[in-house]
Amino acid sequence: MPTYHVKCYETVSFTVAVEAESEEQARELAHADINSFEVISEATSEWDIEEVILESEEWYSDDSLTSESYYNGMKDQVN
């Protein structure tokens, strides 16, 4: 039975905890580095399927990129 890659996209909303002197400063700090704050809630508001493609038709399905051949190639480089 063939394997298909079902590529999806989603819209995620999240809330972070930002300590700041004002709402404006909280916005500035969040814009500067959103990933440095603790996420206190997260939700997916919508999602959809973008593409369905046979695994064998993926651009990276070349046999030279299989995990076994990659591992063997890396092992040969080390030895």
N, C-alpha and C. Protein backbone atom coordinates (compact mmCIF):
# COMPACT_ATOMS: atom_id res chain seq x y z
N MET A 1 0.86 -1.17 0.00
CA MET A 1 0.00 0.00 0.00
C MET A 1 0.91 1.24 0.00
N PRO A 2 0.66 2.19 -0.88
CA PRO A 2 1.52 3.38 -0.95
C PRO A 2 1.34 4.30 0.26
N THR A 3 2.36 5.08 0.52
CA THR A 3 2.31 6.08 1.58
C THR A 3 2.20 7.45 0.95
N TYR A 4 1.31 8.26 1.47
CA TYR A 4 1.11 9.63 1.00
C TYR A 4 1.55 10.61 2.08
N HIS A 5 2.13 11.70 1.65
CA HIS A 5 2.44 12.80 2.55
C HIS A 5 1.32 13.82 2.41
N VAL A 6 0.62 14.06 3.49
CA VAL A 6 -0.48 15.01 3.52
C VAL A 6 0.06 16.29 4.17
N LYS A 7 0.27 17.30 3.35
CA LYS A 7 0.85 18.56 3.84
C LYS A 7 -0.26 19.50 4.24
N CYS A 8 -0.18 19.98 5.46
CA CYS A 8 -1.22 20.83 6.02
C CYS A 8 -0.64 22.16 6.45
N TYR A 9 -1.52 23.12 6.63
CA TYR A 9 -1.13 24.37 7.25
C TYR A 9 -2.16 24.66 8.34
N GLU A 10 -1.73 25.43 9.34
CA GLU A 10 -2.63 25.77 10.42
C GLU A 10 -2.38 27.19 10.89
N THR A 11 -3.41 27.76 11.47
CA THR A 11 -3.31 29.07 12.10
C THR A 11 -3.34 28.83 13.60
N VAL A 12 -2.29 29.26 14.27
CA VAL A 12 -2.16 29.04 15.71
C VAL A 12 -2.17 30.39 16.41
N SER A 13 -2.96 30.49 17.45
CA SER A 13 -2.90 31.68 18.30
C SER A 13 -2.30 31.25 19.63
N PHE A 14 -1.53 32.14 20.24
CA PHE A 14 -0.92 31.81 21.51
C PHE A 14 -0.79 33.06 22.36
N THR A 15 -0.68 32.85 23.65
CA THR A 15 -0.53 33.93 24.61
C THR A 15 0.77 33.70 25.37
N VAL A 16 1.56 34.76 25.48
CA VAL A 16 2.81 34.68 26.25
C VAL A 16 2.72 35.62 27.45
N ALA A 17 3.47 35.31 28.48
CA ALA A 17 3.52 36.15 29.68
C ALA A 17 4.71 37.09 29.56
N VAL A 18 4.44 38.40 29.52
CA VAL A 18 5.50 39.41 29.37
C VAL A 18 5.42 40.38 30.54
N GLU A 19 6.49 40.47 31.31
CA GLU A 19 6.56 41.47 32.38
C GLU A 19 7.04 42.77 31.76
N ALA A 20 6.25 43.85 31.96
CA ALA A 20 6.59 45.14 31.35
C ALA A 20 5.97 46.26 32.16
N GLU A 21 6.49 47.48 31.94
CA GLU A 21 5.98 48.67 32.63
C GLU A 21 4.66 49.16 32.03
N SER A 22 4.40 48.82 30.77
CA SER A 22 3.19 49.30 30.10
C SER A 22 2.81 48.34 28.98
N GLU A 23 1.61 48.54 28.45
CA GLU A 23 1.16 47.73 27.30
C GLU A 23 2.09 47.96 26.11
N GLU A 24 2.49 49.20 25.90
CA GLU A 24 3.39 49.52 24.79
C GLU A 24 4.72 48.78 24.94
N GLN A 25 5.28 48.78 26.13
CA GLN A 25 6.55 48.09 26.35
C GLN A 25 6.36 46.58 26.18
N ALA A 26 5.24 46.05 26.63
CA ALA A 26 4.97 44.62 26.45
C ALA A 26 4.95 44.26 24.97
N ARG A 27 4.31 45.11 24.16
CA ARG A 27 4.29 44.88 22.71
C ARG A 27 5.70 44.93 22.12
N GLU A 28 6.47 45.94 22.53
CA GLU A 28 7.85 46.08 22.03
C GLU A 28 8.70 44.87 22.40
N LEU A 29 8.61 44.44 23.64
CA LEU A 29 9.39 43.27 24.08
C LEU A 29 8.97 42.02 23.31
N ALA A 30 7.68 41.84 23.13
CA ALA A 30 7.19 40.67 22.39
C ALA A 30 7.67 40.70 20.94
N HIS A 31 7.58 41.87 20.31
CA HIS A 31 8.05 42.00 18.92
C HIS A 31 9.55 41.75 18.82
N ALA A 32 10.30 42.14 19.81
CA ALA A 32 11.76 42.00 19.76
C ALA A 32 12.20 40.54 19.82
N ASP A 33 11.50 39.72 20.62
CA ASP A 33 11.92 38.31 20.76
C ASP A 33 10.78 37.48 21.36
N ILE A 34 9.79 37.19 20.56
CA ILE A 34 8.60 36.49 21.03
C ILE A 34 8.92 35.13 21.63
N ASN A 35 9.97 34.47 21.12
CA ASN A 35 10.30 33.12 21.57
C ASN A 35 10.96 33.07 22.94
N SER A 36 11.29 34.23 23.50
CA SER A 36 11.94 34.23 24.82
C SER A 36 10.93 34.23 25.97
N PHE A 37 9.64 34.28 25.66
CA PHE A 37 8.62 34.35 26.70
C PHE A 37 7.89 33.02 26.85
N GLU A 38 7.43 32.77 28.07
CA GLU A 38 6.70 31.54 28.36
C GLU A 38 5.32 31.59 27.69
N VAL A 39 5.01 30.51 26.97
CA VAL A 39 3.68 30.38 26.36
C VAL A 39 2.74 29.86 27.44
N ILE A 40 1.66 30.62 27.70
CA ILE A 40 0.72 30.19 28.74
C ILE A 40 -0.56 29.59 28.17
N SER A 41 -0.82 29.82 26.88
CA SER A 41 -1.92 29.13 26.21
C SER A 41 -1.68 29.13 24.71
N GLU A 42 -2.20 28.10 24.06
CA GLU A 42 -2.02 27.95 22.61
C GLU A 42 -3.20 27.19 22.05
N ALA A 43 -3.65 27.59 20.87
CA ALA A 43 -4.78 26.92 20.23
C ALA A 43 -4.67 27.03 18.71
N THR A 44 -5.11 25.99 18.03
CA THR A 44 -5.20 26.01 16.58
C THR A 44 -6.62 26.44 16.22
N SER A 45 -6.71 27.56 15.49
CA SER A 45 -8.03 28.08 15.17
C SER A 45 -8.57 27.54 13.85
N GLU A 46 -7.70 27.18 12.95
CA GLU A 46 -8.14 26.58 11.68
C GLU A 46 -6.98 25.84 11.06
N TRP A 47 -7.29 24.89 10.22
CA TRP A 47 -6.27 24.17 9.48
C TRP A 47 -6.90 23.65 8.20
N ASP A 48 -6.04 23.32 7.23
CA ASP A 48 -6.53 22.78 5.97
C ASP A 48 -5.43 21.95 5.33
N ILE A 49 -5.83 21.10 4.43
CA ILE A 49 -4.87 20.29 3.67
C ILE A 49 -4.44 21.10 2.46
N GLU A 50 -3.13 21.26 2.32
CA GLU A 50 -2.58 22.04 1.21
C GLU A 50 -2.24 21.16 0.01
N GLU A 51 -1.75 19.96 0.28
CA GLU A 51 -1.28 19.10 -0.82
C GLU A 51 -1.22 17.66 -0.33
N VAL A 52 -1.52 16.72 -1.23
CA VAL A 52 -1.34 15.30 -0.96
C VAL A 52 -0.47 14.77 -2.08
N ILE A 53 0.64 14.14 -1.70
CA ILE A 53 1.59 13.67 -2.71
C ILE A 53 2.13 12.31 -2.29
N LEU A 54 2.34 11.46 -3.28
CA LEU A 54 2.94 10.17 -2.99
C LEU A 54 4.34 10.38 -2.41
N GLU A 55 4.67 9.59 -1.40
CA GLU A 55 5.99 9.70 -0.78
C GLU A 55 7.10 9.56 -1.81
N SER A 56 6.92 8.67 -2.76
CA SER A 56 7.95 8.42 -3.77
C SER A 56 8.13 9.59 -4.73
N GLU A 57 7.19 10.53 -4.75
CA GLU A 57 7.28 11.69 -5.64
C GLU A 57 7.82 12.93 -4.95
N GLU A 58 8.14 12.82 -3.66
CA GLU A 58 8.72 13.95 -2.93
C GLU A 58 10.10 14.25 -3.49
N TRP A 59 10.48 15.52 -3.44
CA TRP A 59 11.78 15.92 -3.97
C TRP A 59 12.92 15.24 -3.22
N TYR A 60 12.71 14.86 -1.97
CA TYR A 60 13.77 14.24 -1.18
C TYR A 60 13.66 12.72 -1.15
N SER A 61 12.89 12.13 -2.05
CA SER A 61 12.71 10.69 -2.03
C SER A 61 13.84 9.94 -2.74
N ASP A 62 14.83 10.65 -3.28
CA ASP A 62 15.98 10.04 -3.94
C ASP A 62 16.62 9.02 -3.00
N ASP A 63 16.97 7.85 -3.52
CA ASP A 63 17.57 6.80 -2.71
C ASP A 63 18.83 7.26 -1.99
N SER A 64 19.54 8.22 -2.56
CA SER A 64 20.77 8.68 -1.92
C SER A 64 20.47 9.44 -0.63
N LEU A 65 19.21 9.79 -0.41
CA LEU A 65 18.86 10.55 0.79
C LEU A 65 18.15 9.70 1.83
N THR A 66 18.08 8.39 1.63
CA THR A 66 17.45 7.55 2.65
C THR A 66 18.32 7.54 3.88
N SER A 67 17.72 7.33 5.02
CA SER A 67 18.47 7.39 6.27
C SER A 67 19.57 6.34 6.31
N GLU A 68 19.35 5.16 5.75
CA GLU A 68 20.38 4.13 5.77
C GLU A 68 21.58 4.53 4.91
N SER A 69 21.32 5.03 3.70
CA SER A 69 22.44 5.42 2.84
C SER A 69 23.15 6.64 3.41
N TYR A 70 22.41 7.54 4.04
CA TYR A 70 23.02 8.71 4.68
C TYR A 70 23.91 8.26 5.82
N TYR A 71 23.42 7.37 6.65
CA TYR A 71 24.20 6.86 7.78
C TYR A 71 25.48 6.18 7.28
N ASN A 72 25.35 5.34 6.25
CA ASN A 72 26.52 4.64 5.72
C ASN A 72 27.53 5.63 5.14
N GLY A 73 27.04 6.66 4.47
CA GLY A 73 27.94 7.69 3.93
C GLY A 73 28.65 8.45 5.01
N MET A 74 27.96 8.78 6.09
CA MET A 74 28.57 9.48 7.21
C MET A 74 29.58 8.59 7.91
N LYS A 75 29.26 7.30 8.04
CA LYS A 75 30.17 6.35 8.68
C LYS A 75 31.46 6.24 7.87
N ASP A 76 31.34 6.23 6.53
CA ASP A 76 32.51 6.14 5.68
C ASP A 76 33.39 7.38 5.82
N GLN A 77 32.79 8.55 6.02
CA GLN A 77 33.56 9.78 6.18
C GLN A 77 34.35 9.80 7.47
N VAL A 78 33.77 9.20 8.51
CA VAL A 78 34.43 9.17 9.82
C VAL A 78 35.59 8.20 9.81
N ASN A 79 35.43 7.09 9.14
CA ASN A 79 36.48 6.05 9.14
C ASN A 79 37.56 6.32 8.17
